[in-house]
Amino acid sequence: MKHLFYASMDMQSVKLDLIHWLTELQDTTMLKTLQRLKETGEGKLTKAQQNDLQDRLDRYEAGELTFTSWTEAKERIRKTGKDAV
């Protein structure tokens, strides 16, 4: 889980990790996307989104959330689709 990864790293380490990743990156589409993100500021969360995210992280850390495997989720979706027909 990315949140747990970043929680264990200080921000300087995260930045250095990203710098290293960027210097090795060969995917021009990804580079263009990152450049556009930097220039436009797209991807910034609103205050409401930040609050919602923090609430969900708090609930996750408190063990209040349940998760489903991708296999189980696909099966449930397929079953729901068949039931709808």
Protein backbone atom coordinates (compact mmCIF):
# COMPACT_ATOMS: atom_id res chain seq x y z
CA MET A 1 0.00 0.00 0.00
CA LYS A 2 1.52 3.31 -1.09
CA HIS A 3 0.37 5.17 2.02
CA LEU A 4 2.32 2.78 4.22
CA PHE A 5 5.37 3.15 1.98
CA TYR A 6 5.35 6.94 2.21
CA ALA A 7 4.61 6.87 5.93
CA SER A 8 7.89 5.03 6.45
CA MET A 9 9.92 7.48 4.34
CA ASP A 10 10.64 11.09 5.06
CA MET A 11 9.77 13.59 2.34
CA GLN A 12 13.42 14.07 1.34
CA SER A 13 13.75 10.34 0.70
CA VAL A 14 10.55 10.36 -1.37
CA LYS A 15 11.88 13.24 -3.46
CA LEU A 16 15.21 11.51 -4.03
CA ASP A 17 13.42 8.30 -4.98
CA LEU A 18 11.30 10.19 -7.51
CA ILE A 19 14.35 11.99 -8.93
CA HIS A 20 16.10 8.67 -9.43
CA TRP A 21 12.99 7.18 -11.05
CA LEU A 22 12.65 10.17 -13.39
CA THR A 23 16.28 9.99 -14.51
CA GLU A 24 15.74 6.37 -15.58
CA LEU A 25 12.29 6.90 -17.13
CA GLN A 26 12.17 6.28 -20.89
CA ASP A 27 8.38 6.42 -21.41
CA THR A 28 7.81 9.67 -23.34
CA THR A 29 4.06 9.55 -22.75
CA MET A 30 4.63 9.41 -19.00
CA LEU A 31 7.18 12.22 -19.19
CA LYS A 32 4.73 14.41 -21.14
CA THR A 33 1.99 13.61 -18.63
CA LEU A 34 4.25 14.53 -15.72
CA GLN A 35 5.29 17.77 -17.44
CA ARG A 36 1.64 18.70 -18.01
CA LEU A 37 0.88 17.90 -14.38
CA LYS A 38 3.71 20.16 -13.26
CA GLU A 39 2.66 23.02 -15.54
CA THR A 40 -1.08 22.92 -14.91
CA GLY A 41 -1.19 21.85 -11.30
CA GLU A 42 -3.71 19.17 -12.26
CA GLY A 43 -4.07 16.44 -9.73
CA LYS A 44 -4.22 18.71 -6.72
CA LEU A 45 -6.87 17.64 -4.29
CA THR A 46 -9.53 20.01 -3.09
CA LYS A 47 -9.85 20.55 0.65
CA ALA A 48 -12.96 18.31 0.66
CA GLN A 49 -11.04 15.56 -1.17
CA GLN A 50 -8.12 15.89 1.26
CA ASN A 51 -10.53 15.58 4.19
CA ASP A 52 -12.21 12.53 2.65
CA LEU A 53 -8.86 10.90 1.96
CA GLN A 54 -7.66 11.55 5.51
CA ASP A 55 -10.91 10.13 6.90
CA ARG A 56 -10.46 6.97 4.84
CA LEU A 57 -6.81 6.62 5.87
CA ASP A 58 -7.77 7.05 9.52
CA ARG A 59 -10.48 4.39 9.16
CA TYR A 60 -8.00 2.07 7.39
CA GLU A 61 -5.39 2.51 10.10
CA ALA A 62 -8.04 1.86 12.78
CA GLY A 63 -8.96 -1.42 11.05
CA GLU A 64 -12.48 -0.22 10.29
CA LEU A 65 -12.41 -0.93 6.55
CA THR A 66 -12.84 -4.26 4.80
CA PHE A 67 -11.33 -5.08 1.45
CA THR A 68 -12.12 -7.46 -1.36
CA SER A 69 -9.58 -9.16 -3.60
CA TRP A 70 -9.65 -8.25 -7.27
CA THR A 71 -10.78 -11.82 -8.08
CA GLU A 72 -13.71 -11.57 -5.66
CA ALA A 73 -14.65 -8.11 -6.95
CA LYS A 74 -14.67 -9.28 -10.59
CA GLU A 75 -16.82 -12.27 -9.67
CA ARG A 76 -19.29 -10.09 -7.77
CA ILE A 77 -19.50 -7.66 -10.71
CA ARG A 78 -20.05 -10.49 -13.18
CA LYS A 79 -22.76 -11.97 -10.98
CA THR A 80 -24.46 -8.57 -10.57
CA GLY A 81 -24.37 -8.09 -14.33
CA LYS A 82 -25.96 -11.50 -14.96
CA ASP A 83 -28.66 -10.82 -12.36
CA ALA A 84 -29.49 -7.51 -14.03
CA VAL A 85 -30.22 -9.15 -17.40
